[in-house]
């Protein structure tokens, strides 16, 4: 079986995963065998990746568009290589093929691990640049982060249903559903409105 793994660090409204899906399909994965995830590549307990690693059997193939999509942690990459060797599966990471269905040669394993080191290094450099930019902005007096939400920022639909909530006609869950707002957002707005 050919499986695909596509990952972006932020949610679908901020990052488009479609390019990865398209490339995985071109390499033989089917829509139903592609695992999609919106999590940091440094996070070790990613649910979809774990589901994929749990389901693969000897002879299967895992596709990802590049090493950094499957992980940005060198340690986790080494764990995945060990799993691939133990389960006798094939990893295709971009144009790099690691066929563990037969004995893995040391040069291929070493190259893959080096790619993992560079993926982790790239992630750390990006993080460092972001932190440096934020410190620079702070030193110039700029506000960092999301602006504080005020009662003026709360949508009208919240105020439309708020009296029902106050009277006990609806609970927070129903309030959330009626407003099409998440539960944490309803809590945040209630804190603002109720002081």
C-alpha atoms as a PDB file:
ATOM      1  CA  UNK A   1       0.000   0.000   0.000  1.00  0.00           C
ATOM      2  CA  UNK A   2       1.215   3.518  -0.780  1.00  0.00           C
ATOM      3  CA  UNK A   3       0.511   6.078   1.932  1.00  0.00           C
ATOM      4  CA  UNK A   4       1.095   9.817   1.854  1.00  0.00           C
ATOM      5  CA  UNK A   5       1.772  12.278   4.643  1.00  0.00           C
ATOM      6  CA  UNK A   6       1.174  16.022   4.190  1.00  0.00           C
ATOM      7  CA  UNK A   7       1.833  18.561   6.934  1.00  0.00           C
ATOM      8  CA  UNK A   8       1.694  22.309   7.419  1.00  0.00           C
ATOM      9  CA  UNK A   9       2.553  24.145  10.624  1.00  0.00           C
ATOM     10  CA  UNK A  10      -0.552  26.320  10.811  1.00  0.00           C
ATOM     11  CA  UNK A  11      -4.225  25.781  10.000  1.00  0.00           C
ATOM     12  CA  UNK A  12      -5.768  25.516   6.527  1.00  0.00           C
ATOM     13  CA  UNK A  13      -6.879  29.151   6.490  1.00  0.00           C
ATOM     14  CA  UNK A  14      -3.249  30.254   6.809  1.00  0.00           C
ATOM     15  CA  UNK A  15      -1.349  27.586   4.847  1.00  0.00           C
ATOM     16  CA  UNK A  16      -2.368  25.623   1.763  1.00  0.00           C
ATOM     17  CA  UNK A  17      -1.651  21.902   1.896  1.00  0.00           C
ATOM     18  CA  UNK A  18      -3.049  21.247  -1.613  1.00  0.00           C
ATOM     19  CA  UNK A  19       0.339  21.354  -3.396  1.00  0.00           C
ATOM     20  CA  UNK A  20       1.611  18.548  -1.168  1.00  0.00           C
ATOM     21  CA  UNK A  21      -1.576  16.500  -1.739  1.00  0.00           C
ATOM     22  CA  UNK A  22      -1.282  16.944  -5.511  1.00  0.00           C
ATOM     23  CA  UNK A  23       2.376  15.820  -5.515  1.00  0.00           C
ATOM     24  CA  UNK A  24       1.614  12.806  -3.298  1.00  0.00           C
ATOM     25  CA  UNK A  25      -1.171  11.725  -5.668  1.00  0.00           C
ATOM     26  CA  UNK A  26       1.203  12.071  -8.639  1.00  0.00           C
ATOM     27  CA  UNK A  27       3.529   9.634  -6.834  1.00  0.00           C
ATOM     28  CA  UNK A  28       0.777   7.037  -6.373  1.00  0.00           C
ATOM     29  CA  UNK A  29      -0.997   7.847  -3.095  1.00  0.00           C
ATOM     30  CA  UNK A  30      -4.790   7.909  -3.129  1.00  0.00           C
ATOM     31  CA  UNK A  31      -6.907  10.535  -1.401  1.00  0.00           C
ATOM     32  CA  UNK A  32      -8.056   8.016   1.220  1.00  0.00           C
ATOM     33  CA  UNK A  33      -4.452   6.946   1.999  1.00  0.00           C
ATOM     34  CA  UNK A  34      -3.088  10.478   2.511  1.00  0.00           C
ATOM     35  CA  UNK A  35      -2.800  11.600   6.117  1.00  0.00           C
ATOM     36  CA  UNK A  36      -3.117  15.386   6.553  1.00  0.00           C
ATOM     37  CA  UNK A  37      -1.909  17.322   9.568  1.00  0.00           C
ATOM     38  CA  UNK A  38      -1.663  20.928  10.713  1.00  0.00           C
ATOM     39  CA  UNK A  39       0.995  20.770  13.435  1.00  0.00           C
ATOM     40  CA  UNK A  40       4.554  21.908  14.008  1.00  0.00           C
ATOM     41  CA  UNK A  41       7.149  19.531  12.576  1.00  0.00           C
ATOM     42  CA  UNK A  42       8.963  19.639  15.918  1.00  0.00           C
ATOM     43  CA  UNK A  43       5.960  18.270  17.806  1.00  0.00           C
ATOM     44  CA  UNK A  44       6.613  14.611  18.558  1.00  0.00           C
ATOM     45  CA  UNK A  45       3.071  13.417  19.327  1.00  0.00           C
ATOM     46  CA  UNK A  46       1.268  14.269  16.089  1.00  0.00           C
ATOM     47  CA  UNK A  47      -1.955  12.257  15.873  1.00  0.00           C
ATOM     48  CA  UNK A  48      -2.111  11.734  12.081  1.00  0.00           C
ATOM     49  CA  UNK A  49       1.572  10.802  11.763  1.00  0.00           C
ATOM     50  CA  UNK A  50       1.159   8.320  14.609  1.00  0.00           C
ATOM     51  CA  UNK A  51      -1.934   6.793  12.935  1.00  0.00           C
ATOM     52  CA  UNK A  52       0.095   6.372   9.745  1.00  0.00           C
ATOM     53  CA  UNK A  53       3.097   4.842  11.519  1.00  0.00           C
ATOM     54  CA  UNK A  54       0.790   2.449  13.392  1.00  0.00           C
ATOM     55  CA  UNK A  55      -0.936   1.210  10.224  1.00  0.00           C
ATOM     56  CA  UNK A  56       2.029   0.543   7.878  1.00  0.00           C
ATOM     57  CA  UNK A  57       2.952  -3.070   7.194  1.00  0.00           C
ATOM     58  CA  UNK A  58       5.999  -4.716   5.616  1.00  0.00           C
ATOM     59  CA  UNK A  59       6.287  -3.765   1.940  1.00  0.00           C
ATOM     60  CA  UNK A  60       4.269  -0.530   2.292  1.00  0.00           C
ATOM     61  CA  UNK A  61       5.518   2.878   1.136  1.00  0.00           C
ATOM     62  CA  UNK A  62       5.266   6.230   2.917  1.00  0.00           C
ATOM     63  CA  UNK A  63       5.497   9.329   0.724  1.00  0.00           C
ATOM     64  CA  UNK A  64       6.175  12.909   1.854  1.00  0.00           C
ATOM     65  CA  UNK A  65       7.143  15.832  -0.355  1.00  0.00           C
ATOM     66  CA  UNK A  66      10.336  16.427   1.674  1.00  0.00           C
ATOM     67  CA  UNK A  67      12.025  15.394   4.920  1.00  0.00           C
ATOM     68  CA  UNK A  68      10.850  18.545   6.737  1.00  0.00           C
ATOM     69  CA  UNK A  69       7.202  17.627   6.070  1.00  0.00           C
ATOM     70  CA  UNK A  70       7.511  14.359   7.994  1.00  0.00           C
ATOM     71  CA  UNK A  71       9.563  15.896  10.833  1.00  0.00           C
ATOM     72  CA  UNK A  72      11.871  18.744  11.791  1.00  0.00           C
ATOM     73  CA  UNK A  73      13.339  16.768  14.665  1.00  0.00           C
ATOM     74  CA  UNK A  74      16.502  14.768  14.030  1.00  0.00           C
ATOM     75  CA  UNK A  75      15.664  12.423  16.910  1.00  0.00           C
ATOM     76  CA  UNK A  76      12.174  11.727  15.556  1.00  0.00           C
ATOM     77  CA  UNK A  77      13.594  11.146  12.072  1.00  0.00           C
ATOM     78  CA  UNK A  78      16.003   8.568  13.510  1.00  0.00           C
ATOM     79  CA  UNK A  79      13.031   6.876  15.228  1.00  0.00           C
ATOM     80  CA  UNK A  80      11.120   6.820  11.906  1.00  0.00           C
ATOM     81  CA  UNK A  81      14.153   5.326  10.118  1.00  0.00           C
ATOM     82  CA  UNK A  82      14.345   2.584  12.784  1.00  0.00           C
ATOM     83  CA  UNK A  83      10.614   1.889  12.398  1.00  0.00           C
ATOM     84  CA  UNK A  84      11.054   1.721   8.603  1.00  0.00           C
ATOM     85  CA  UNK A  85      13.935  -0.737   8.983  1.00  0.00           C
ATOM     86  CA  UNK A  86      12.041  -2.904  11.492  1.00  0.00           C
ATOM     87  CA  UNK A  87       8.805  -2.933   9.457  1.00  0.00           C
ATOM     88  CA  UNK A  88      10.637  -3.270   6.098  1.00  0.00           C
ATOM     89  CA  UNK A  89       8.904  -0.285   4.488  1.00  0.00           C
ATOM     90  CA  UNK A  90       9.989   2.215   1.852  1.00  0.00           C
ATOM     91  CA  UNK A  91      10.242   5.964   2.558  1.00  0.00           C
ATOM     92  CA  UNK A  92      10.082   8.410  -0.344  1.00  0.00           C
ATOM     93  CA  UNK A  93      10.858  11.917   0.891  1.00  0.00           C
ATOM     94  CA  UNK A  94      10.763  14.235  -2.107  1.00  0.00           C
ATOM     95  CA  UNK A  95      13.241  12.789  -4.591  1.00  0.00           C
ATOM     96  CA  UNK A  96      15.114  10.873  -1.874  1.00  0.00           C
ATOM     97  CA  UNK A  97      14.229   7.172  -1.712  1.00  0.00           C
ATOM     98  CA  UNK A  98      15.042   5.114   1.374  1.00  0.00           C
ATOM     99  CA  UNK A  99      14.111   1.515   0.674  1.00  0.00           C
ATOM    100  CA  UNK A 100      14.144  -0.383   3.960  1.00  0.00           C
ATOM    101  CA  UNK A 101      12.450  -3.420   2.426  1.00  0.00           C
ATOM    102  CA  UNK A 102      16.001  -4.662   1.923  1.00  0.00           C
ATOM    103  CA  UNK A 103      19.070  -3.865   4.011  1.00  0.00           C
ATOM    104  CA  UNK A 104      19.601  -0.112   4.204  1.00  0.00           C
ATOM    105  CA  UNK A 105      23.075   0.924   3.113  1.00  0.00           C
ATOM    106  CA  UNK A 106      24.956   3.187   5.558  1.00  0.00           C
ATOM    107  CA  UNK A 107      25.463   6.000   2.983  1.00  0.00           C
ATOM    108  CA  UNK A 108      21.702   6.344   2.340  1.00  0.00           C
ATOM    109  CA  UNK A 109      20.918   6.280   6.061  1.00  0.00           C
ATOM    110  CA  UNK A 110      23.655   8.860   6.742  1.00  0.00           C
ATOM    111  CA  UNK A 111      22.383  11.156   3.968  1.00  0.00           C
ATOM    112  CA  UNK A 112      18.818  10.945   5.293  1.00  0.00           C
ATOM    113  CA  UNK A 113      19.977  11.794   8.810  1.00  0.00           C
ATOM    114  CA  UNK A 114      21.938  14.780   7.450  1.00  0.00           C
ATOM    115  CA  UNK A 115      18.788  15.981   5.666  1.00  0.00           C
ATOM    116  CA  UNK A 116      17.027  15.725   9.024  1.00  0.00           C
ATOM    117  CA  UNK A 117      19.758  17.794  10.687  1.00  0.00           C
ATOM    118  CA  UNK A 118      19.335  20.504   8.040  1.00  0.00           C
ATOM    119  CA  UNK A 119      15.523  20.479   8.396  1.00  0.00           C
ATOM    120  CA  UNK A 120      15.878  20.965  12.168  1.00  0.00           C
ATOM    121  CA  UNK A 121      18.548  23.639  11.668  1.00  0.00           C
ATOM    122  CA  UNK A 122      16.288  25.514   9.229  1.00  0.00           C
ATOM    123  CA  UNK A 123      13.427  25.438  11.751  1.00  0.00           C
ATOM    124  CA  UNK A 124      15.691  26.735  14.533  1.00  0.00           C
ATOM    125  CA  UNK A 125      17.043  29.543  12.330  1.00  0.00           C
ATOM    126  CA  UNK A 126      13.507  30.639  11.390  1.00  0.00           C
ATOM    127  CA  UNK A 127      12.523  30.657  15.058  1.00  0.00           C
ATOM    128  CA  UNK A 128      15.597  32.683  15.982  1.00  0.00           C
ATOM    129  CA  UNK A 129      14.911  35.258  13.227  1.00  0.00           C
ATOM    130  CA  UNK A 130      11.295  35.647  14.368  1.00  0.00           C
ATOM    131  CA  UNK A 131      12.350  36.181  17.997  1.00  0.00           C
ATOM    132  CA  UNK A 132      15.006  38.682  16.917  1.00  0.00           C
ATOM    133  CA  UNK A 133      12.474  40.582  14.804  1.00  0.00           C
ATOM    134  CA  UNK A 134      10.018  40.700  17.693  1.00  0.00           C
ATOM    135  CA  UNK A 135      12.695  42.016  20.068  1.00  0.00           C
ATOM    136  CA  UNK A 136      13.648  44.649  17.513  1.00  0.00           C
ATOM    137  CA  UNK A 137      10.015  45.727  17.116  1.00  0.00           C
ATOM    138  CA  UNK A 138       9.570  45.882  20.920  1.00  0.00           C
ATOM    139  CA  UNK A 139      12.672  48.060  21.259  1.00  0.00           C
ATOM    140  CA  UNK A 140      11.103  50.489  18.782  1.00  0.00           C
ATOM    141  CA  UNK A 141       7.949  50.644  20.895  1.00  0.00           C
ATOM    142  CA  UNK A 142       5.727  48.537  18.626  1.00  0.00           C
ATOM    143  CA  UNK A 143       3.053  46.330  20.153  1.00  0.00           C
ATOM    144  CA  UNK A 144       3.676  42.624  19.650  1.00  0.00           C
ATOM    145  CA  UNK A 145       0.929  40.017  19.297  1.00  0.00           C
ATOM    146  CA  UNK A 146      -2.738  40.316  18.634  1.00  0.00           C
ATOM    147  CA  UNK A 147      -4.417  43.570  19.573  1.00  0.00           C
ATOM    148  CA  UNK A 148      -6.599  43.369  22.675  1.00  0.00           C
ATOM    149  CA  UNK A 149     -10.263  42.661  21.926  1.00  0.00           C
ATOM    150  CA  UNK A 150     -12.701  45.257  23.220  1.00  0.00           C
ATOM    151  CA  UNK A 151     -16.494  45.204  23.457  1.00  0.00           C
ATOM    152  CA  UNK A 152     -16.557  47.157  20.164  1.00  0.00           C
ATOM    153  CA  UNK A 153     -14.837  44.221  18.416  1.00  0.00           C
ATOM    154  CA  UNK A 154     -17.460  41.668  19.450  1.00  0.00           C
ATOM    155  CA  UNK A 155     -19.741  40.748  16.523  1.00  0.00           C
ATOM    156  CA  UNK A 156     -23.397  41.785  16.530  1.00  0.00           C
ATOM    157  CA  UNK A 157     -24.613  38.171  16.522  1.00  0.00           C
ATOM    158  CA  UNK A 158     -23.132  37.737  20.006  1.00  0.00           C
ATOM    159  CA  UNK A 159     -25.148  40.695  21.322  1.00  0.00           C
ATOM    160  CA  UNK A 160     -28.265  39.392  19.552  1.00  0.00           C
ATOM    161  CA  UNK A 161     -28.187  36.094  21.498  1.00  0.00           C
ATOM    162  CA  UNK A 162     -26.628  37.414  24.720  1.00  0.00           C
ATOM    163  CA  UNK A 163     -29.991  38.308  26.387  1.00  0.00           C
ATOM    164  CA  UNK A 164     -31.143  34.670  25.943  1.00  0.00           C
ATOM    165  CA  UNK A 165     -27.971  33.520  27.694  1.00  0.00           C
ATOM    166  CA  UNK A 166     -28.459  36.048  30.517  1.00  0.00           C
ATOM    167  CA  UNK A 167     -32.021  34.816  31.099  1.00  0.00           C
ATOM    168  CA  UNK A 168     -30.819  31.195  31.195  1.00  0.00           C
ATOM    169  CA  UNK A 169     -32.750  30.256  28.032  1.00  0.00           C
ATOM    170  CA  UNK A 170     -29.576  28.918  26.418  1.00  0.00           C
ATOM    171  CA  UNK A 171     -26.332  27.548  27.829  1.00  0.00           C
ATOM    172  CA  UNK A 172     -22.788  28.349  26.623  1.00  0.00           C
ATOM    173  CA  UNK A 173     -22.756  25.451  24.183  1.00  0.00           C
ATOM    174  CA  UNK A 174     -26.007  26.580  22.534  1.00  0.00           C
ATOM    175  CA  UNK A 175     -24.752  30.176  22.605  1.00  0.00           C
ATOM    176  CA  UNK A 176     -21.624  29.064  20.770  1.00  0.00           C
ATOM    177  CA  UNK A 177     -23.643  27.162  18.153  1.00  0.00           C
ATOM    178  CA  UNK A 178     -26.106  30.004  17.546  1.00  0.00           C
ATOM    179  CA  UNK A 179     -23.281  32.497  17.029  1.00  0.00           C
ATOM    180  CA  UNK A 180     -21.122  30.090  14.994  1.00  0.00           C
ATOM    181  CA  UNK A 181     -18.271  30.945  17.354  1.00  0.00           C
ATOM    182  CA  UNK A 182     -15.923  28.592  19.157  1.00  0.00           C
ATOM    183  CA  UNK A 183     -16.448  27.798  22.812  1.00  0.00           C
ATOM    184  CA  UNK A 184     -13.231  29.647  23.886  1.00  0.00           C
ATOM    185  CA  UNK A 185     -14.330  32.720  21.888  1.00  0.00           C
ATOM    186  CA  UNK A 186     -17.709  32.771  23.666  1.00  0.00           C
ATOM    187  CA  UNK A 187     -15.875  32.594  27.027  1.00  0.00           C
ATOM    188  CA  UNK A 188     -13.575  35.440  25.987  1.00  0.00           C
ATOM    189  CA  UNK A 189     -16.485  37.652  24.884  1.00  0.00           C
ATOM    190  CA  UNK A 190     -18.413  36.877  28.082  1.00  0.00           C
ATOM    191  CA  UNK A 191     -15.397  37.931  30.175  1.00  0.00           C
ATOM    192  CA  UNK A 192     -15.237  41.219  28.273  1.00  0.00           C
ATOM    193  CA  UNK A 193     -18.964  41.949  28.446  1.00  0.00           C
ATOM    194  CA  UNK A 194     -19.452  40.832  32.045  1.00  0.00           C
ATOM    195  CA  UNK A 195     -16.231  42.419  33.291  1.00  0.00           C
END
